[in-house]
Amino acid sequence: MTDINSMTGRNWEVDHELVDVALMLKKYRNLQYDADFEENIKDYNFYKARADYYQELVDKGQEFDPQF
């Protein structure tokens, strides 16, 4: 079980299968930009698709995405 004192802001971990949509969007956008800078088209397309998916969830107002 996670120590409640270690849970600060959006930087906390728990033992369930819910993913923070805002964190994942930021993660995949940054990876997308890195792949673009490195001219790695395959990774760029993958990260862009994942970031677009999480962007759609953010636009719908969904904060968490269940991963079962």
N, C-alpha and C. Protein backbone atom coordinates (compact mmCIF):
# COMPACT_ATOMS: atom_id res chain seq x y z
N MET A 1 0.83 -1.18 0.00
CA MET A 1 0.00 0.00 0.00
C MET A 1 0.88 1.24 0.00
N THR A 2 0.43 2.30 -0.63
CA THR A 2 1.19 3.52 -0.74
C THR A 2 1.08 4.35 0.53
N ASP A 3 2.21 4.89 0.97
CA ASP A 3 2.23 5.77 2.14
C ASP A 3 1.52 7.07 1.79
N ILE A 4 0.54 7.45 2.59
CA ILE A 4 -0.25 8.66 2.29
C ILE A 4 0.61 9.92 2.31
N ASN A 5 1.71 9.91 3.04
CA ASN A 5 2.59 11.08 3.10
C ASN A 5 3.38 11.27 1.81
N SER A 6 3.51 10.24 1.00
CA SER A 6 4.26 10.35 -0.25
C SER A 6 3.37 10.81 -1.41
N MET A 7 2.09 11.01 -1.16
CA MET A 7 1.16 11.40 -2.22
C MET A 7 1.05 12.92 -2.28
N THR A 8 1.75 13.54 -3.23
CA THR A 8 1.74 14.99 -3.37
C THR A 8 1.36 15.37 -4.78
N GLY A 9 0.40 16.24 -4.94
CA GLY A 9 0.00 16.70 -6.26
C GLY A 9 -0.35 15.56 -7.18
N ARG A 10 0.12 15.63 -8.41
CA ARG A 10 -0.12 14.56 -9.38
C ARG A 10 1.01 13.54 -9.40
N ASN A 11 1.98 13.68 -8.51
CA ASN A 11 3.12 12.78 -8.48
C ASN A 11 2.96 11.71 -7.41
N TRP A 12 1.95 10.88 -7.55
CA TRP A 12 1.74 9.81 -6.59
C TRP A 12 1.42 8.53 -7.33
N GLU A 13 1.69 7.43 -6.64
CA GLU A 13 1.46 6.12 -7.23
C GLU A 13 0.52 5.32 -6.32
N VAL A 14 -0.34 4.54 -6.95
CA VAL A 14 -1.24 3.66 -6.21
C VAL A 14 -1.25 2.30 -6.88
N ASP A 15 -1.91 1.36 -6.26
CA ASP A 15 -1.91 -0.01 -6.75
C ASP A 15 -3.10 -0.36 -7.63
N HIS A 16 -3.78 0.62 -8.18
CA HIS A 16 -4.91 0.32 -9.05
C HIS A 16 -4.53 0.59 -10.51
N GLU A 17 -5.44 0.30 -11.38
CA GLU A 17 -5.18 0.40 -12.81
C GLU A 17 -5.81 1.65 -13.42
N LEU A 18 -5.69 2.78 -12.76
CA LEU A 18 -6.16 4.05 -13.31
C LEU A 18 -4.96 4.89 -13.69
N VAL A 19 -5.01 5.48 -14.86
CA VAL A 19 -3.91 6.31 -15.35
C VAL A 19 -4.37 7.76 -15.37
N ASP A 20 -3.54 8.66 -14.85
CA ASP A 20 -3.83 10.09 -14.86
C ASP A 20 -3.68 10.60 -16.30
N VAL A 21 -4.78 11.05 -16.88
CA VAL A 21 -4.81 11.46 -18.29
C VAL A 21 -3.89 12.64 -18.56
N ALA A 22 -3.88 13.63 -17.67
CA ALA A 22 -3.04 14.81 -17.88
C ALA A 22 -1.56 14.45 -17.89
N LEU A 23 -1.15 13.57 -16.99
CA LEU A 23 0.25 13.14 -16.96
C LEU A 23 0.63 12.38 -18.21
N MET A 24 -0.26 11.50 -18.65
CA MET A 24 0.04 10.71 -19.84
C MET A 24 0.09 11.59 -21.09
N LEU A 25 -0.79 12.58 -21.16
CA LEU A 25 -0.77 13.51 -22.29
C LEU A 25 0.57 14.24 -22.33
N LYS A 26 1.00 14.75 -21.20
CA LYS A 26 2.27 15.46 -21.14
C LYS A 26 3.43 14.54 -21.51
N LYS A 27 3.42 13.33 -20.98
CA LYS A 27 4.48 12.36 -21.26
C LYS A 27 4.58 12.08 -22.76
N TYR A 28 3.44 11.76 -23.38
CA TYR A 28 3.48 11.38 -24.79
C TYR A 28 3.73 12.57 -25.71
N ARG A 29 3.29 13.77 -25.35
CA ARG A 29 3.62 14.96 -26.16
C ARG A 29 5.12 15.21 -26.13
N ASN A 30 5.72 15.11 -24.94
CA ASN A 30 7.17 15.32 -24.84
C ASN A 30 7.94 14.27 -25.63
N LEU A 31 7.51 13.02 -25.56
CA LEU A 31 8.15 11.97 -26.34
C LEU A 31 7.95 12.20 -27.84
N GLN A 32 6.78 12.69 -28.22
CA GLN A 32 6.50 13.01 -29.62
C GLN A 32 7.45 14.09 -30.11
N TYR A 33 7.62 15.15 -29.32
CA TYR A 33 8.51 16.25 -29.71
C TYR A 33 9.96 15.78 -29.79
N ASP A 34 10.36 14.92 -28.87
CA ASP A 34 11.73 14.38 -28.91
C ASP A 34 11.95 13.55 -30.16
N ALA A 35 10.99 12.70 -30.49
CA ALA A 35 11.11 11.86 -31.69
C ALA A 35 11.13 12.73 -32.95
N ASP A 36 10.35 13.79 -32.98
CA ASP A 36 10.35 14.71 -34.11
C ASP A 36 11.72 15.38 -34.25
N PHE A 37 12.28 15.82 -33.14
CA PHE A 37 13.59 16.47 -33.16
C PHE A 37 14.66 15.51 -33.66
N GLU A 38 14.55 14.23 -33.25
CA GLU A 38 15.52 13.22 -33.65
C GLU A 38 15.20 12.62 -35.02
N GLU A 39 14.14 13.10 -35.66
CA GLU A 39 13.70 12.65 -36.97
C GLU A 39 13.44 11.15 -37.01
N ASN A 40 12.85 10.65 -35.93
CA ASN A 40 12.48 9.24 -35.83
C ASN A 40 10.97 9.15 -36.11
N ILE A 41 10.63 8.95 -37.37
CA ILE A 41 9.24 9.02 -37.83
C ILE A 41 8.37 7.92 -37.20
N LYS A 42 8.91 6.72 -37.08
CA LYS A 42 8.13 5.61 -36.52
C LYS A 42 7.69 5.93 -35.09
N ASP A 43 8.64 6.35 -34.25
CA ASP A 43 8.32 6.70 -32.87
C ASP A 43 7.42 7.93 -32.82
N TYR A 44 7.69 8.90 -33.69
CA TYR A 44 6.89 10.12 -33.73
C TYR A 44 5.41 9.78 -33.96
N ASN A 45 5.14 8.93 -34.93
CA ASN A 45 3.75 8.56 -35.24
C ASN A 45 3.09 7.82 -34.08
N PHE A 46 3.84 6.94 -33.42
CA PHE A 46 3.30 6.21 -32.28
C PHE A 46 2.95 7.16 -31.13
N TYR A 47 3.91 8.02 -30.77
CA TYR A 47 3.70 8.94 -29.66
C TYR A 47 2.61 9.96 -29.97
N LYS A 48 2.52 10.39 -31.22
CA LYS A 48 1.48 11.34 -31.61
C LYS A 48 0.10 10.70 -31.46
N ALA A 49 -0.04 9.45 -31.89
CA ALA A 49 -1.32 8.75 -31.77
C ALA A 49 -1.73 8.61 -30.31
N ARG A 50 -0.77 8.25 -29.43
CA ARG A 50 -1.07 8.12 -28.01
C ARG A 50 -1.43 9.47 -27.41
N ALA A 51 -0.68 10.52 -27.76
CA ALA A 51 -0.96 11.85 -27.23
C ALA A 51 -2.32 12.34 -27.70
N ASP A 52 -2.66 12.08 -28.95
CA ASP A 52 -3.96 12.49 -29.48
C ASP A 52 -5.10 11.78 -28.74
N TYR A 53 -4.88 10.50 -28.41
CA TYR A 53 -5.88 9.75 -27.65
C TYR A 53 -6.12 10.40 -26.28
N TYR A 54 -5.03 10.72 -25.58
CA TYR A 54 -5.18 11.34 -24.27
C TYR A 54 -5.72 12.77 -24.39
N GLN A 55 -5.41 13.46 -25.48
CA GLN A 55 -5.96 14.80 -25.68
C GLN A 55 -7.47 14.74 -25.83
N GLU A 56 -7.97 13.72 -26.53
CA GLU A 56 -9.42 13.54 -26.67
C GLU A 56 -10.08 13.33 -25.31
N LEU A 57 -9.43 12.55 -24.45
CA LEU A 57 -9.97 12.33 -23.11
C LEU A 57 -9.99 13.61 -22.30
N VAL A 58 -8.92 14.40 -22.40
CA VAL A 58 -8.87 15.69 -21.70
C VAL A 58 -9.99 16.60 -22.20
N ASP A 59 -10.18 16.64 -23.51
CA ASP A 59 -11.23 17.48 -24.09
C ASP A 59 -12.62 17.08 -23.62
N LYS A 60 -12.80 15.79 -23.34
CA LYS A 60 -14.09 15.30 -22.85
C LYS A 60 -14.24 15.51 -21.34
N GLY A 61 -13.18 15.94 -20.68
CA GLY A 61 -13.24 16.17 -19.24
C GLY A 61 -12.90 14.95 -18.40
N GLN A 62 -12.37 13.92 -19.01
CA GLN A 62 -12.04 12.69 -18.28
C GLN A 62 -10.67 12.86 -17.63
N GLU A 63 -10.58 12.61 -16.33
CA GLU A 63 -9.33 12.78 -15.60
C GLU A 63 -8.51 11.51 -15.50
N PHE A 64 -9.17 10.35 -15.51
CA PHE A 64 -8.48 9.09 -15.38
C PHE A 64 -8.93 8.12 -16.46
N ASP A 65 -8.00 7.26 -16.87
CA ASP A 65 -8.29 6.26 -17.89
C ASP A 65 -8.04 4.89 -17.28
N PRO A 66 -9.07 4.05 -17.16
CA PRO A 66 -8.86 2.72 -16.59
C PRO A 66 -8.07 1.83 -17.53
N GLN A 67 -7.12 1.10 -16.97
CA GLN A 67 -6.28 0.18 -17.73
C GLN A 67 -6.50 -1.22 -17.19
N PHE A 68 -7.38 -1.97 -17.81
CA PHE A 68 -7.67 -3.32 -17.32
C PHE A 68 -7.03 -4.36 -18.17
